[in-house]
Amino acid sequence: AVKLVPKKGNKNNQPVPAPEGCARCTFEDKLLMSDIVFLRAWTQVDVPCFFNPVTTALQSRDETWRGMKTVSELRRDHNLPVPLNKDSVYK
């Protein structure tokens, strides 16, 4: 799709049968160097699958893995109250 600034308009834009990726556009007025033309184009992109297993010994085999603690767990462990923002209180 071809998009123009409001003062210019495109009459029609259609794909050309060959070569692939070409398009023919006609405009109501003559295009100037100062005009802004946006061309929105789509193409298929193959995204390769990537898998990188961790093979290093980060911890011993008999330990179970524990992730990071959440903010809620840290507050509970250290007996910290939830901070109160005065602007967030319902009135």
N, C-alpha and C. Protein backbone atom coordinates (compact mmCIF):
# COMPACT_ATOMS: atom_id res chain seq x y z
N ALA A 1 0.85 -1.18 0.00
CA ALA A 1 0.00 0.00 0.00
C ALA A 1 0.88 1.23 0.00
N VAL A 2 0.53 2.18 -0.80
CA VAL A 2 1.28 3.43 -0.86
C VAL A 2 0.48 4.48 -0.12
N LYS A 3 1.12 5.19 0.77
CA LYS A 3 0.45 6.19 1.59
C LYS A 3 1.13 7.53 1.35
N LEU A 4 0.35 8.57 1.15
CA LEU A 4 0.90 9.89 0.88
C LEU A 4 0.41 10.89 1.91
N VAL A 5 1.07 12.03 1.94
CA VAL A 5 0.59 13.14 2.76
C VAL A 5 -0.75 13.58 2.19
N PRO A 6 -1.62 14.23 2.98
CA PRO A 6 -2.99 14.52 2.54
C PRO A 6 -3.12 15.33 1.24
N LYS A 7 -2.16 16.19 0.90
CA LYS A 7 -2.34 17.02 -0.29
C LYS A 7 -2.20 16.24 -1.59
N LYS A 8 -1.52 15.11 -1.55
CA LYS A 8 -1.36 14.26 -2.73
C LYS A 8 -2.18 13.00 -2.51
N GLY A 9 -2.63 12.40 -3.57
CA GLY A 9 -3.37 11.16 -3.43
C GLY A 9 -2.97 10.20 -4.53
N ASN A 10 -3.00 8.94 -4.25
CA ASN A 10 -2.68 7.99 -5.30
C ASN A 10 -3.98 7.44 -5.86
N LYS A 11 -4.08 7.40 -7.19
CA LYS A 11 -5.29 6.92 -7.84
C LYS A 11 -5.42 5.41 -7.69
N ASN A 12 -4.38 4.72 -8.03
CA ASN A 12 -4.41 3.27 -7.87
C ASN A 12 -2.99 2.76 -7.73
N ASN A 13 -2.87 1.72 -7.04
CA ASN A 13 -1.59 1.04 -6.92
C ASN A 13 -1.88 -0.44 -7.02
N GLN A 14 -1.16 -1.07 -7.89
CA GLN A 14 -1.41 -2.48 -8.13
C GLN A 14 -0.10 -3.19 -8.41
N PRO A 15 -0.05 -4.46 -8.05
CA PRO A 15 1.19 -5.19 -8.33
C PRO A 15 1.35 -5.43 -9.83
N VAL A 16 2.57 -5.45 -10.27
CA VAL A 16 2.90 -5.74 -11.66
C VAL A 16 3.18 -7.24 -11.75
N PRO A 17 2.70 -7.93 -12.80
CA PRO A 17 2.88 -9.38 -12.86
C PRO A 17 4.33 -9.83 -12.83
N ALA A 18 5.24 -9.09 -13.47
CA ALA A 18 6.65 -9.50 -13.46
C ALA A 18 7.50 -8.25 -13.50
N PRO A 19 8.63 -8.18 -12.95
CA PRO A 19 9.23 -9.14 -12.03
C PRO A 19 8.60 -9.06 -10.64
N GLU A 20 8.84 -10.07 -9.85
CA GLU A 20 8.24 -10.14 -8.52
C GLU A 20 8.73 -8.99 -7.64
N GLY A 21 7.81 -8.38 -6.90
CA GLY A 21 8.16 -7.30 -5.99
C GLY A 21 7.98 -5.92 -6.58
N CYS A 22 7.60 -5.81 -7.83
CA CYS A 22 7.39 -4.51 -8.47
C CYS A 22 5.94 -4.09 -8.31
N ALA A 23 5.70 -2.78 -8.25
CA ALA A 23 4.35 -2.24 -8.19
C ALA A 23 4.29 -1.00 -9.05
N ARG A 24 3.12 -0.74 -9.63
CA ARG A 24 2.92 0.45 -10.45
C ARG A 24 1.93 1.35 -9.73
N CYS A 25 2.30 2.61 -9.54
CA CYS A 25 1.46 3.57 -8.84
C CYS A 25 1.28 4.81 -9.70
N THR A 26 0.09 5.37 -9.69
CA THR A 26 -0.16 6.64 -10.37
C THR A 26 -0.67 7.62 -9.32
N PHE A 27 -0.32 8.89 -9.48
CA PHE A 27 -0.67 9.90 -8.50
C PHE A 27 -1.47 11.02 -9.17
N GLU A 28 -2.26 11.73 -8.39
CA GLU A 28 -3.09 12.81 -8.91
C GLU A 28 -2.24 13.98 -9.37
N ASP A 29 -1.22 14.34 -8.61
CA ASP A 29 -0.36 15.47 -8.94
C ASP A 29 1.05 14.97 -9.20
N LYS A 30 1.85 15.86 -9.75
CA LYS A 30 3.25 15.53 -9.99
C LYS A 30 3.97 15.45 -8.64
N LEU A 31 4.78 14.42 -8.47
CA LEU A 31 5.53 14.26 -7.22
C LEU A 31 6.72 15.20 -7.22
N LEU A 32 6.93 15.85 -6.10
CA LEU A 32 8.07 16.74 -5.92
C LEU A 32 9.08 16.08 -5.00
N MET A 33 10.30 16.61 -5.00
CA MET A 33 11.34 16.06 -4.12
C MET A 33 10.97 16.25 -2.65
N SER A 34 10.14 17.25 -2.34
CA SER A 34 9.78 17.51 -0.94
C SER A 34 8.60 16.66 -0.48
N ASP A 35 7.95 15.92 -1.39
CA ASP A 35 6.83 15.07 -1.02
C ASP A 35 7.32 13.84 -0.27
N ILE A 36 6.49 13.38 0.65
CA ILE A 36 6.82 12.19 1.44
C ILE A 36 5.92 11.05 0.95
N VAL A 37 6.52 9.96 0.56
CA VAL A 37 5.78 8.78 0.10
C VAL A 37 6.20 7.60 0.96
N PHE A 38 5.24 6.91 1.54
CA PHE A 38 5.50 5.71 2.32
C PHE A 38 5.05 4.51 1.51
N LEU A 39 5.88 3.51 1.42
CA LEU A 39 5.52 2.27 0.74
C LEU A 39 5.51 1.17 1.78
N ARG A 40 4.33 0.60 2.01
CA ARG A 40 4.23 -0.51 2.94
C ARG A 40 4.30 -1.80 2.14
N ALA A 41 5.29 -2.60 2.41
CA ALA A 41 5.48 -3.84 1.66
C ALA A 41 5.69 -4.99 2.64
N TRP A 42 5.22 -6.15 2.25
CA TRP A 42 5.34 -7.33 3.08
C TRP A 42 6.11 -8.40 2.31
N THR A 43 6.89 -9.14 3.03
CA THR A 43 7.60 -10.26 2.44
C THR A 43 7.70 -11.37 3.47
N GLN A 44 7.83 -12.59 3.01
CA GLN A 44 7.96 -13.71 3.92
C GLN A 44 9.41 -13.84 4.37
N VAL A 45 9.59 -14.00 5.66
CA VAL A 45 10.92 -14.14 6.24
C VAL A 45 10.98 -15.46 6.99
N ASP A 46 11.97 -16.26 6.67
CA ASP A 46 12.16 -17.51 7.40
C ASP A 46 12.99 -17.24 8.64
N VAL A 47 12.41 -17.53 9.81
CA VAL A 47 13.10 -17.31 11.07
C VAL A 47 13.70 -18.64 11.51
N PRO A 48 15.02 -18.71 11.65
CA PRO A 48 15.62 -19.98 12.05
C PRO A 48 15.34 -20.27 13.53
N CYS A 49 15.12 -21.53 13.83
CA CYS A 49 14.94 -21.93 15.23
C CYS A 49 16.31 -21.95 15.89
N PHE A 50 16.36 -21.45 17.12
CA PHE A 50 17.63 -21.40 17.84
C PHE A 50 17.44 -22.01 19.21
N PHE A 51 18.26 -22.97 19.54
CA PHE A 51 18.20 -23.62 20.85
C PHE A 51 19.62 -23.75 21.35
N ASN A 52 19.87 -23.18 22.52
CA ASN A 52 21.21 -23.22 23.10
C ASN A 52 21.11 -23.81 24.50
N PRO A 53 21.29 -25.10 24.65
CA PRO A 53 21.19 -25.70 25.98
C PRO A 53 22.38 -25.30 26.86
N VAL A 54 22.11 -25.17 28.14
CA VAL A 54 23.17 -24.84 29.09
C VAL A 54 23.85 -26.15 29.47
N THR A 55 25.09 -26.26 29.09
CA THR A 55 25.82 -27.51 29.35
C THR A 55 26.88 -27.34 30.42
N THR A 56 27.04 -26.14 30.94
CA THR A 56 28.06 -25.91 31.96
C THR A 56 27.52 -26.33 33.31
N ALA A 57 28.39 -26.68 34.21
CA ALA A 57 27.99 -27.10 35.55
C ALA A 57 27.87 -25.86 36.44
N LEU A 58 26.69 -25.24 36.42
CA LEU A 58 26.47 -24.04 37.23
C LEU A 58 26.23 -24.40 38.70
N GLN A 59 25.73 -25.58 38.95
CA GLN A 59 25.50 -26.04 40.32
C GLN A 59 25.68 -27.55 40.34
N SER A 60 25.79 -28.09 41.52
CA SER A 60 26.01 -29.54 41.63
C SER A 60 24.74 -30.29 41.24
N ARG A 61 24.91 -31.56 40.87
CA ARG A 61 23.79 -32.36 40.36
C ARG A 61 22.73 -32.65 41.43
N ASP A 62 23.13 -32.71 42.71
CA ASP A 62 22.15 -33.06 43.75
C ASP A 62 21.30 -31.87 44.19
N GLU A 63 21.65 -30.65 43.79
CA GLU A 63 20.85 -29.46 44.12
C GLU A 63 19.70 -29.32 43.14
N THR A 64 18.57 -28.85 43.66
CA THR A 64 17.46 -28.54 42.76
C THR A 64 17.54 -27.07 42.38
N TRP A 65 17.16 -26.76 41.15
CA TRP A 65 17.26 -25.40 40.65
C TRP A 65 16.15 -24.54 41.23
N ARG A 66 16.51 -23.34 41.68
CA ARG A 66 15.54 -22.37 42.17
C ARG A 66 15.75 -21.08 41.40
N GLY A 67 14.67 -20.51 40.92
CA GLY A 67 14.76 -19.25 40.19
C GLY A 67 14.87 -18.07 41.15
N MET A 68 14.87 -16.88 40.61
CA MET A 68 14.93 -15.68 41.45
C MET A 68 13.64 -15.53 42.23
N LYS A 69 13.73 -14.90 43.38
CA LYS A 69 12.54 -14.66 44.19
C LYS A 69 11.78 -13.48 43.62
N THR A 70 10.47 -13.53 43.75
CA THR A 70 9.64 -12.42 43.31
C THR A 70 9.67 -11.33 44.37
N VAL A 71 9.19 -10.15 44.01
CA VAL A 71 9.14 -9.03 44.95
C VAL A 71 8.25 -9.39 46.13
N SER A 72 7.16 -10.09 45.87
CA SER A 72 6.25 -10.51 46.94
C SER A 72 6.95 -11.45 47.92
N GLU A 73 7.73 -12.39 47.43
CA GLU A 73 8.46 -13.32 48.31
C GLU A 73 9.51 -12.58 49.13
N LEU A 74 10.21 -11.62 48.54
CA LEU A 74 11.20 -10.84 49.29
C LEU A 74 10.56 -10.01 50.38
N ARG A 75 9.41 -9.38 50.07
CA ARG A 75 8.71 -8.59 51.09
C ARG A 75 8.25 -9.48 52.24
N ARG A 76 7.74 -10.66 51.92
CA ARG A 76 7.27 -11.58 52.96
C ARG A 76 8.43 -12.06 53.82
N ASP A 77 9.59 -12.39 53.19
CA ASP A 77 10.75 -12.88 53.94
C ASP A 77 11.33 -11.82 54.87
N HIS A 78 11.30 -10.55 54.45
CA HIS A 78 11.90 -9.47 55.23
C HIS A 78 10.86 -8.65 55.99
N ASN A 79 9.61 -9.10 56.03
CA ASN A 79 8.51 -8.41 56.73
C ASN A 79 8.40 -6.95 56.32
N LEU A 80 8.43 -6.68 55.04
CA LEU A 80 8.30 -5.32 54.52
C LEU A 80 6.87 -5.10 54.04
N PRO A 81 6.28 -3.94 54.37
CA PRO A 81 4.92 -3.67 53.89
C PRO A 81 4.92 -3.27 52.41
N VAL A 82 3.77 -3.42 51.80
CA VAL A 82 3.62 -2.98 50.42
C VAL A 82 3.57 -1.46 50.42
N PRO A 83 4.41 -0.78 49.63
CA PRO A 83 4.40 0.68 49.64
C PRO A 83 3.06 1.23 49.14
N LEU A 84 2.60 2.28 49.79
CA LEU A 84 1.32 2.89 49.46
C LEU A 84 1.56 4.21 48.74
N ASN A 85 1.07 4.33 47.55
CA ASN A 85 1.17 5.56 46.79
C ASN A 85 -0.13 6.33 46.98
N LYS A 86 -0.07 7.53 47.50
CA LYS A 86 -1.28 8.31 47.81
C LYS A 86 -2.08 8.60 46.54
N ASP A 87 -1.40 8.72 45.39
CA ASP A 87 -2.10 9.01 44.15
C ASP A 87 -2.89 7.81 43.63
N SER A 88 -2.57 6.61 44.12
CA SER A 88 -3.23 5.41 43.62
C SER A 88 -4.41 4.97 44.46
N VAL A 89 -4.71 5.67 45.55
CA VAL A 89 -5.82 5.29 46.45
C VAL A 89 -7.14 5.72 45.82
N TYR A 90 -8.13 4.80 45.81
CA TYR A 90 -9.46 5.15 45.31
C TYR A 90 -10.13 6.13 46.24
N LYS A 91 -10.84 7.06 45.66
CA LYS A 91 -11.52 8.09 46.49
C LYS A 91 -12.99 7.86 46.50
